[in-house]
PDB file of N, CA and C in Angstrom:
ATOM      1  N   UNK A   1     -37.272  -1.138 -21.619  1.00  0.00           N
ATOM      2  CA  UNK A   1     -37.985  -0.902 -22.857  1.00  0.00           C
ATOM      3  C   UNK A   1     -38.906  -2.082 -23.128  1.00  0.00           C
ATOM      4  N   UNK A   2     -40.201  -1.811 -23.321  1.00  0.00           N
ATOM      5  CA  UNK A   2     -41.134  -2.912 -23.572  1.00  0.00           C
ATOM      6  C   UNK A   2     -40.902  -3.565 -24.928  1.00  0.00           C
ATOM      7  N   UNK A   3     -41.259  -4.829 -24.997  1.00  0.00           N
ATOM      8  CA  UNK A   3     -41.163  -5.546 -26.267  1.00  0.00           C
ATOM      9  C   UNK A   3     -42.302  -5.089 -27.171  1.00  0.00           C
ATOM     10  N   UNK A   4     -42.030  -5.057 -28.462  1.00  0.00           N
ATOM     11  CA  UNK A   4     -43.039  -4.632 -29.421  1.00  0.00           C
ATOM     12  C   UNK A   4     -43.121  -5.623 -30.579  1.00  0.00           C
ATOM     13  N   UNK A   5     -44.200  -5.494 -31.322  1.00  0.00           N
ATOM     14  CA  UNK A   5     -44.405  -6.288 -32.528  1.00  0.00           C
ATOM     15  C   UNK A   5     -45.007  -5.357 -33.566  1.00  0.00           C
ATOM     16  N   UNK A   6     -44.474  -5.373 -34.773  1.00  0.00           N
ATOM     17  CA  UNK A   6     -45.007  -4.577 -35.871  1.00  0.00           C
ATOM     18  C   UNK A   6     -45.857  -5.481 -36.755  1.00  0.00           C
ATOM     19  N   UNK A   7     -47.104  -5.097 -36.928  1.00  0.00           N
ATOM     20  CA  UNK A   7     -48.048  -5.941 -37.657  1.00  0.00           C
ATOM     21  C   UNK A   7     -47.721  -6.034 -39.144  1.00  0.00           C
ATOM     22  N   UNK A   8     -48.157  -7.132 -39.717  1.00  0.00           N
ATOM     23  CA  UNK A   8     -48.139  -7.315 -41.163  1.00  0.00           C
ATOM     24  C   UNK A   8     -49.598  -7.403 -41.602  1.00  0.00           C
ATOM     25  N   UNK A   9     -49.859  -7.080 -42.852  1.00  0.00           N
ATOM     26  CA  UNK A   9     -51.221  -7.102 -43.380  1.00  0.00           C
ATOM     27  C   UNK A   9     -51.884  -8.444 -43.097  1.00  0.00           C
ATOM     28  N   UNK A  10     -53.058  -8.413 -42.488  1.00  0.00           N
ATOM     29  CA  UNK A  10     -53.809  -9.636 -42.227  1.00  0.00           C
ATOM     30  C   UNK A  10     -53.659 -10.194 -40.828  1.00  0.00           C
ATOM     31  N   UNK A  11     -52.749  -9.647 -40.018  1.00  0.00           N
ATOM     32  CA  UNK A  11     -52.619 -10.108 -38.632  1.00  0.00           C
ATOM     33  C   UNK A  11     -53.933  -9.909 -37.891  1.00  0.00           C
ATOM     34  N   UNK A  12     -54.203 -10.806 -36.945  1.00  0.00           N
ATOM     35  CA  UNK A  12     -55.363 -10.675 -36.071  1.00  0.00           C
ATOM     36  C   UNK A  12     -54.876 -10.834 -34.632  1.00  0.00           C
ATOM     37  N   UNK A  13     -55.671 -10.347 -33.688  1.00  0.00           N
ATOM     38  CA  UNK A  13     -55.260 -10.371 -32.286  1.00  0.00           C
ATOM     39  C   UNK A  13     -54.833 -11.762 -31.830  1.00  0.00           C
ATOM     40  N   UNK A  14     -55.646 -12.761 -32.118  1.00  0.00           N
ATOM     41  CA  UNK A  14     -55.344 -14.104 -31.625  1.00  0.00           C
ATOM     42  C   UNK A  14     -54.113 -14.711 -32.290  1.00  0.00           C
ATOM     43  N   UNK A  15     -53.910 -14.429 -33.569  1.00  0.00           N
ATOM     44  CA  UNK A  15     -52.725 -14.976 -34.235  1.00  0.00           C
ATOM     45  C   UNK A  15     -51.448 -14.316 -33.725  1.00  0.00           C
ATOM     46  N   UNK A  16     -51.533 -13.033 -33.385  1.00  0.00           N
ATOM     47  CA  UNK A  16     -50.368 -12.341 -32.807  1.00  0.00           C
ATOM     48  C   UNK A  16     -50.081 -12.901 -31.418  1.00  0.00           C
ATOM     49  N   UNK A  17     -51.127 -13.083 -30.610  1.00  0.00           N
ATOM     50  CA  UNK A  17     -50.944 -13.633 -29.264  1.00  0.00           C
ATOM     51  C   UNK A  17     -50.301 -15.017 -29.325  1.00  0.00           C
ATOM     52  N   UNK A  18     -50.761 -15.839 -30.252  1.00  0.00           N
ATOM     53  CA  UNK A  18     -50.201 -17.182 -30.373  1.00  0.00           C
ATOM     54  C   UNK A  18     -48.737 -17.139 -30.823  1.00  0.00           C
ATOM     55  N   UNK A  19     -48.458 -16.360 -31.852  1.00  0.00           N
ATOM     56  CA  UNK A  19     -47.105 -16.328 -32.416  1.00  0.00           C
ATOM     57  C   UNK A  19     -46.097 -15.629 -31.505  1.00  0.00           C
ATOM     58  N   UNK A  20     -46.524 -14.572 -30.830  1.00  0.00           N
ATOM     59  CA  UNK A  20     -45.584 -13.770 -30.055  1.00  0.00           C
ATOM     60  C   UNK A  20     -45.578 -14.097 -28.561  1.00  0.00           C
ATOM     61  N   UNK A  21     -46.714 -14.577 -28.040  1.00  0.00           N
ATOM     62  CA  UNK A  21     -46.824 -14.830 -26.603  1.00  0.00           C
ATOM     63  C   UNK A  21     -46.992 -16.305 -26.270  1.00  0.00           C
ATOM     64  N   UNK A  22     -47.163 -17.143 -27.305  1.00  0.00           N
ATOM     65  CA  UNK A  22     -47.187 -18.583 -27.095  1.00  0.00           C
ATOM     66  C   UNK A  22     -48.538 -19.229 -26.891  1.00  0.00           C
ATOM     67  N   UNK A  23     -49.619 -18.422 -26.798  1.00  0.00           N
ATOM     68  CA  UNK A  23     -50.925 -19.011 -26.550  1.00  0.00           C
ATOM     69  C   UNK A  23     -52.011 -17.983 -26.860  1.00  0.00           C
ATOM     70  N   UNK A  24     -53.083 -18.433 -27.494  1.00  0.00           N
ATOM     71  CA  UNK A  24     -54.194 -17.517 -27.775  1.00  0.00           C
ATOM     72  C   UNK A  24     -54.880 -17.067 -26.489  1.00  0.00           C
ATOM     73  N   UNK A  25     -54.638 -17.761 -25.388  1.00  0.00           N
ATOM     74  CA  UNK A  25     -55.215 -17.376 -24.100  1.00  0.00           C
ATOM     75  C   UNK A  25     -54.706 -16.005 -23.639  1.00  0.00           C
ATOM     76  N   UNK A  26     -53.626 -15.521 -24.237  1.00  0.00           N
ATOM     77  CA  UNK A  26     -53.072 -14.215 -23.884  1.00  0.00           C
ATOM     78  C   UNK A  26     -53.637 -13.085 -24.745  1.00  0.00           C
ATOM     79  N   UNK A  27     -54.631 -13.386 -25.572  1.00  0.00           N
ATOM     80  CA  UNK A  27     -55.211 -12.374 -26.455  1.00  0.00           C
ATOM     81  C   UNK A  27     -55.753 -11.187 -25.671  1.00  0.00           C
ATOM     82  N   UNK A  28     -56.442 -11.454 -24.554  1.00  0.00           N
ATOM     83  CA  UNK A  28     -57.001 -10.354 -23.765  1.00  0.00           C
ATOM     84  C   UNK A  28     -55.915  -9.455 -23.194  1.00  0.00           C
ATOM     85  N   UNK A  29     -54.803 -10.041 -22.773  1.00  0.00           N
ATOM     86  CA  UNK A  29     -53.686  -9.237 -22.250  1.00  0.00           C
ATOM     87  C   UNK A  29     -53.095  -8.363 -23.352  1.00  0.00           C
ATOM     88  N   UNK A  30     -52.965  -8.932 -24.543  1.00  0.00           N
ATOM     89  CA  UNK A  30     -52.441  -8.192 -25.683  1.00  0.00           C
ATOM     90  C   UNK A  30     -53.361  -7.021 -26.027  1.00  0.00           C
ATOM     91  N   UNK A  31     -54.654  -7.273 -26.055  1.00  0.00           N
ATOM     92  CA  UNK A  31     -55.608  -6.212 -26.369  1.00  0.00           C
ATOM     93  C   UNK A  31     -55.611  -5.123 -25.299  1.00  0.00           C
ATOM     94  N   UNK A  32     -55.544  -5.510 -24.042  1.00  0.00           N
ATOM     95  CA  UNK A  32     -55.522  -4.534 -22.953  1.00  0.00           C
ATOM     96  C   UNK A  32     -54.258  -3.694 -22.955  1.00  0.00           C
ATOM     97  N   UNK A  33     -53.173  -4.224 -23.465  1.00  0.00           N
ATOM     98  CA  UNK A  33     -51.921  -3.469 -23.551  1.00  0.00           C
ATOM     99  C   UNK A  33     -51.907  -2.521 -24.750  1.00  0.00           C
ATOM    100  N   UNK A  34     -52.905  -2.635 -25.622  1.00  0.00           N
ATOM    101  CA  UNK A  34     -52.951  -1.837 -26.857  1.00  0.00           C
ATOM    102  C   UNK A  34     -54.358  -1.310 -27.119  1.00  0.00           C
ATOM    103  N   UNK A  35     -54.930  -0.644 -26.137  1.00  0.00           N
ATOM    104  CA  UNK A  35     -56.320  -0.190 -26.224  1.00  0.00           C
ATOM    105  C   UNK A  35     -56.566   0.774 -27.378  1.00  0.00           C
ATOM    106  N   UNK A  36     -55.572   1.493 -27.806  1.00  0.00           N
ATOM    107  CA  UNK A  36     -55.747   2.446 -28.906  1.00  0.00           C
ATOM    108  C   UNK A  36     -56.095   1.736 -30.218  1.00  0.00           C
ATOM    109  N   UNK A  37     -55.816   0.442 -30.308  1.00  0.00           N
ATOM    110  CA  UNK A  37     -56.047  -0.309 -31.542  1.00  0.00           C
ATOM    111  C   UNK A  37     -57.181  -1.327 -31.403  1.00  0.00           C
ATOM    112  N   UNK A  38     -57.977  -1.219 -30.366  1.00  0.00           N
ATOM    113  CA  UNK A  38     -59.011  -2.224 -30.096  1.00  0.00           C
ATOM    114  C   UNK A  38     -60.073  -2.318 -31.184  1.00  0.00           C
ATOM    115  N   UNK A  39     -60.213  -1.284 -32.016  1.00  0.00           N
ATOM    116  CA  UNK A  39     -61.222  -1.327 -33.080  1.00  0.00           C
ATOM    117  C   UNK A  39     -60.799  -2.211 -34.257  1.00  0.00           C
ATOM    118  N   UNK A  40     -59.541  -2.596 -34.294  1.00  0.00           N
ATOM    119  CA  UNK A  40     -59.071  -3.461 -35.389  1.00  0.00           C
ATOM    120  C   UNK A  40     -59.438  -4.913 -35.121  1.00  0.00           C
ATOM    121  N   UNK A  41     -59.898  -5.568 -36.165  1.00  0.00           N
ATOM    122  CA  UNK A  41     -60.088  -7.014 -36.123  1.00  0.00           C
ATOM    123  C   UNK A  41     -58.994  -7.659 -36.968  1.00  0.00           C
ATOM    124  N   UNK A  42     -58.803  -7.108 -38.165  1.00  0.00           N
ATOM    125  CA  UNK A  42     -57.706  -7.511 -39.047  1.00  0.00           C
ATOM    126  C   UNK A  42     -56.817  -6.288 -39.226  1.00  0.00           C
ATOM    127  N   UNK A  43     -55.550  -6.447 -38.899  1.00  0.00           N
ATOM    128  CA  UNK A  43     -54.624  -5.319 -38.913  1.00  0.00           C
ATOM    129  C   UNK A  43     -54.061  -5.033 -40.297  1.00  0.00           C
ATOM    130  N   UNK A  44     -53.812  -3.752 -40.563  1.00  0.00           N
ATOM    131  CA  UNK A  44     -52.999  -3.390 -41.718  1.00  0.00           C
ATOM    132  C   UNK A  44     -51.530  -3.550 -41.326  1.00  0.00           C
ATOM    133  N   UNK A  45     -50.654  -3.414 -42.266  1.00  0.00           N
ATOM    134  CA  UNK A  45     -49.220  -3.504 -41.971  1.00  0.00           C
ATOM    135  C   UNK A  45     -48.740  -2.239 -41.279  1.00  0.00           C
ATOM    136  N   UNK A  46     -47.741  -2.402 -40.408  1.00  0.00           N
ATOM    137  CA  UNK A  46     -47.027  -1.268 -39.857  1.00  0.00           C
ATOM    138  C   UNK A  46     -47.472  -0.726 -38.523  1.00  0.00           C
ATOM    139  N   UNK A  47     -48.433  -1.347 -37.853  1.00  0.00           N
ATOM    140  CA  UNK A  47     -48.842  -0.880 -36.532  1.00  0.00           C
ATOM    141  C   UNK A  47     -47.933  -1.527 -35.492  1.00  0.00           C
ATOM    142  N   UNK A  48     -47.375  -0.706 -34.609  1.00  0.00           N
ATOM    143  CA  UNK A  48     -46.466  -1.208 -33.578  1.00  0.00           C
ATOM    144  C   UNK A  48     -47.274  -1.450 -32.310  1.00  0.00           C
ATOM    145  N   UNK A  49     -47.351  -2.711 -31.909  1.00  0.00           N
ATOM    146  CA  UNK A  49     -48.079  -3.104 -30.708  1.00  0.00           C
ATOM    147  C   UNK A  49     -47.101  -3.387 -29.579  1.00  0.00           C
ATOM    148  N   UNK A  50     -47.523  -3.067 -28.363  1.00  0.00           N
ATOM    149  CA  UNK A  50     -46.743  -3.399 -27.173  1.00  0.00           C
ATOM    150  C   UNK A  50     -47.106  -4.817 -26.754  1.00  0.00           C
ATOM    151  N   UNK A  51     -46.093  -5.641 -26.521  1.00  0.00           N
ATOM    152  CA  UNK A  51     -46.329  -7.014 -26.080  1.00  0.00           C
ATOM    153  C   UNK A  51     -46.276  -7.060 -24.560  1.00  0.00           C
ATOM    154  N   UNK A  52     -47.335  -7.549 -23.911  1.00  0.00           N
ATOM    155  CA  UNK A  52     -47.324  -7.632 -22.451  1.00  0.00           C
ATOM    156  C   UNK A  52     -46.419  -8.765 -21.977  1.00  0.00           C
ATOM    157  N   UNK A  53     -45.954  -8.628 -20.747  1.00  0.00           N
ATOM    158  CA  UNK A  53     -45.201  -9.720 -20.133  1.00  0.00           C
ATOM    159  C   UNK A  53     -46.195 -10.786 -19.711  1.00  0.00           C
ATOM    160  N   UNK A  54     -45.890 -12.016 -20.031  1.00  0.00           N
ATOM    161  CA  UNK A  54     -46.735 -13.136 -19.612  1.00  0.00           C
ATOM    162  C   UNK A  54     -45.868 -14.142 -18.881  1.00  0.00           C
ATOM    163  N   UNK A  55     -46.399 -14.648 -17.793  1.00  0.00           N
ATOM    164  CA  UNK A  55     -45.671 -15.648 -17.006  1.00  0.00           C
ATOM    165  C   UNK A  55     -45.850 -17.015 -17.638  1.00  0.00           C
ATOM    166  N   UNK A  56     -44.764 -17.721 -17.774  1.00  0.00           N
ATOM    167  CA  UNK A  56     -44.802 -19.085 -18.304  1.00  0.00           C
ATOM    168  C   UNK A  56     -44.610 -20.033 -17.129  1.00  0.00           C
ATOM    169  N   UNK A  57     -45.628 -20.838 -16.812  1.00  0.00           N
ATOM    170  CA  UNK A  57     -45.503 -21.751 -15.673  1.00  0.00           C
ATOM    171  C   UNK A  57     -44.337 -22.704 -15.856  1.00  0.00           C
ATOM    172  N   UNK A  58     -43.519 -22.819 -14.846  1.00  0.00           N
ATOM    173  CA  UNK A  58     -42.328 -23.667 -14.920  1.00  0.00           C
ATOM    174  C   UNK A  58     -42.685 -25.139 -15.069  1.00  0.00           C
ATOM    175  N   UNK A  59     -43.762 -25.582 -14.445  1.00  0.00           N
ATOM    176  CA  UNK A  59     -44.140 -26.984 -14.467  1.00  0.00           C
ATOM    177  C   UNK A  59     -44.582 -27.494 -15.820  1.00  0.00           C
ATOM    178  N   UNK A  60     -44.993 -26.608 -16.716  1.00  0.00           N
ATOM    179  CA  UNK A  60     -45.496 -27.052 -18.011  1.00  0.00           C
ATOM    180  C   UNK A  60     -44.424 -27.649 -18.902  1.00  0.00           C
ATOM    181  N   UNK A  61     -43.175 -27.289 -18.689  1.00  0.00           N
ATOM    182  CA  UNK A  61     -42.127 -27.786 -19.567  1.00  0.00           C
ATOM    183  C   UNK A  61     -41.428 -29.025 -19.005  1.00  0.00           C
ATOM    184  N   UNK A  62     -41.800 -29.438 -17.818  1.00  0.00           N
ATOM    185  CA  UNK A  62     -41.169 -30.599 -17.208  1.00  0.00           C
ATOM    186  C   UNK A  62     -41.978 -31.858 -17.477  1.00  0.00           C
ATOM    187  N   UNK A  63     -41.298 -32.993 -17.600  1.00  0.00           N
ATOM    188  CA  UNK A  63     -42.042 -34.239 -17.749  1.00  0.00           C
ATOM    189  C   UNK A  63     -42.834 -34.511 -16.466  1.00  0.00           C
ATOM    190  N   UNK A  64     -43.925 -35.274 -16.558  1.00  0.00           N
ATOM    191  CA  UNK A  64     -44.800 -35.501 -15.380  1.00  0.00           C
ATOM    192  C   UNK A  64     -44.077 -35.993 -14.137  1.00  0.00           C
ATOM    193  N   UNK A  65     -43.067 -36.836 -14.270  1.00  0.00           N
ATOM    194  CA  UNK A  65     -42.391 -37.390 -13.115  1.00  0.00           C
ATOM    195  C   UNK A  65     -41.481 -36.367 -12.418  1.00  0.00           C
ATOM    196  N   UNK A  66     -41.216 -35.204 -13.086  1.00  0.00           N
ATOM    197  CA  UNK A  66     -40.401 -34.175 -12.449  1.00  0.00           C
ATOM    198  C   UNK A  66     -41.226 -32.999 -11.932  1.00  0.00           C
ATOM    199  N   UNK A  67     -42.512 -32.998 -12.211  1.00  0.00           N
ATOM    200  CA  UNK A  67     -43.366 -31.909 -11.757  1.00  0.00           C
ATOM    201  C   UNK A  67     -43.695 -32.108 -10.267  1.00  0.00           C
ATOM    202  N   UNK A  68     -43.731 -30.996  -9.556  1.00  0.00           N
ATOM    203  CA  UNK A  68     -44.057 -31.034  -8.140  1.00  0.00           C
ATOM    204  C   UNK A  68     -45.566 -31.035  -7.992  1.00  0.00           C
ATOM    205  N   UNK A  69     -46.074 -32.007  -7.242  1.00  0.00           N
ATOM    206  CA  UNK A  69     -47.517 -32.075  -7.005  1.00  0.00           C
ATOM    207  C   UNK A  69     -47.900 -30.945  -6.056  1.00  0.00           C
ATOM    208  N   UNK A  70     -48.966 -30.223  -6.407  1.00  0.00           N
ATOM    209  CA  UNK A  70     -49.335 -29.062  -5.599  1.00  0.00           C
ATOM    210  C   UNK A  70     -50.622 -29.210  -5.029  1.00  0.00           C
TER     211      UNK A  70
END
């Protein structure tokens, strides 16, 4: 079952991406997963959006001395 998010009045694509996916860089993935709602800029309350899976790089959470040089 995919993860979902129900909008509250005033939500915007980038704020949802940041709050639910951890980074505004995932805004395009969020929009592509919810093409039926692409005309919204500011959401009303009650729209159920599908949250895409996003990969979180393992190296980002490690201190520099523990990261593997690639």
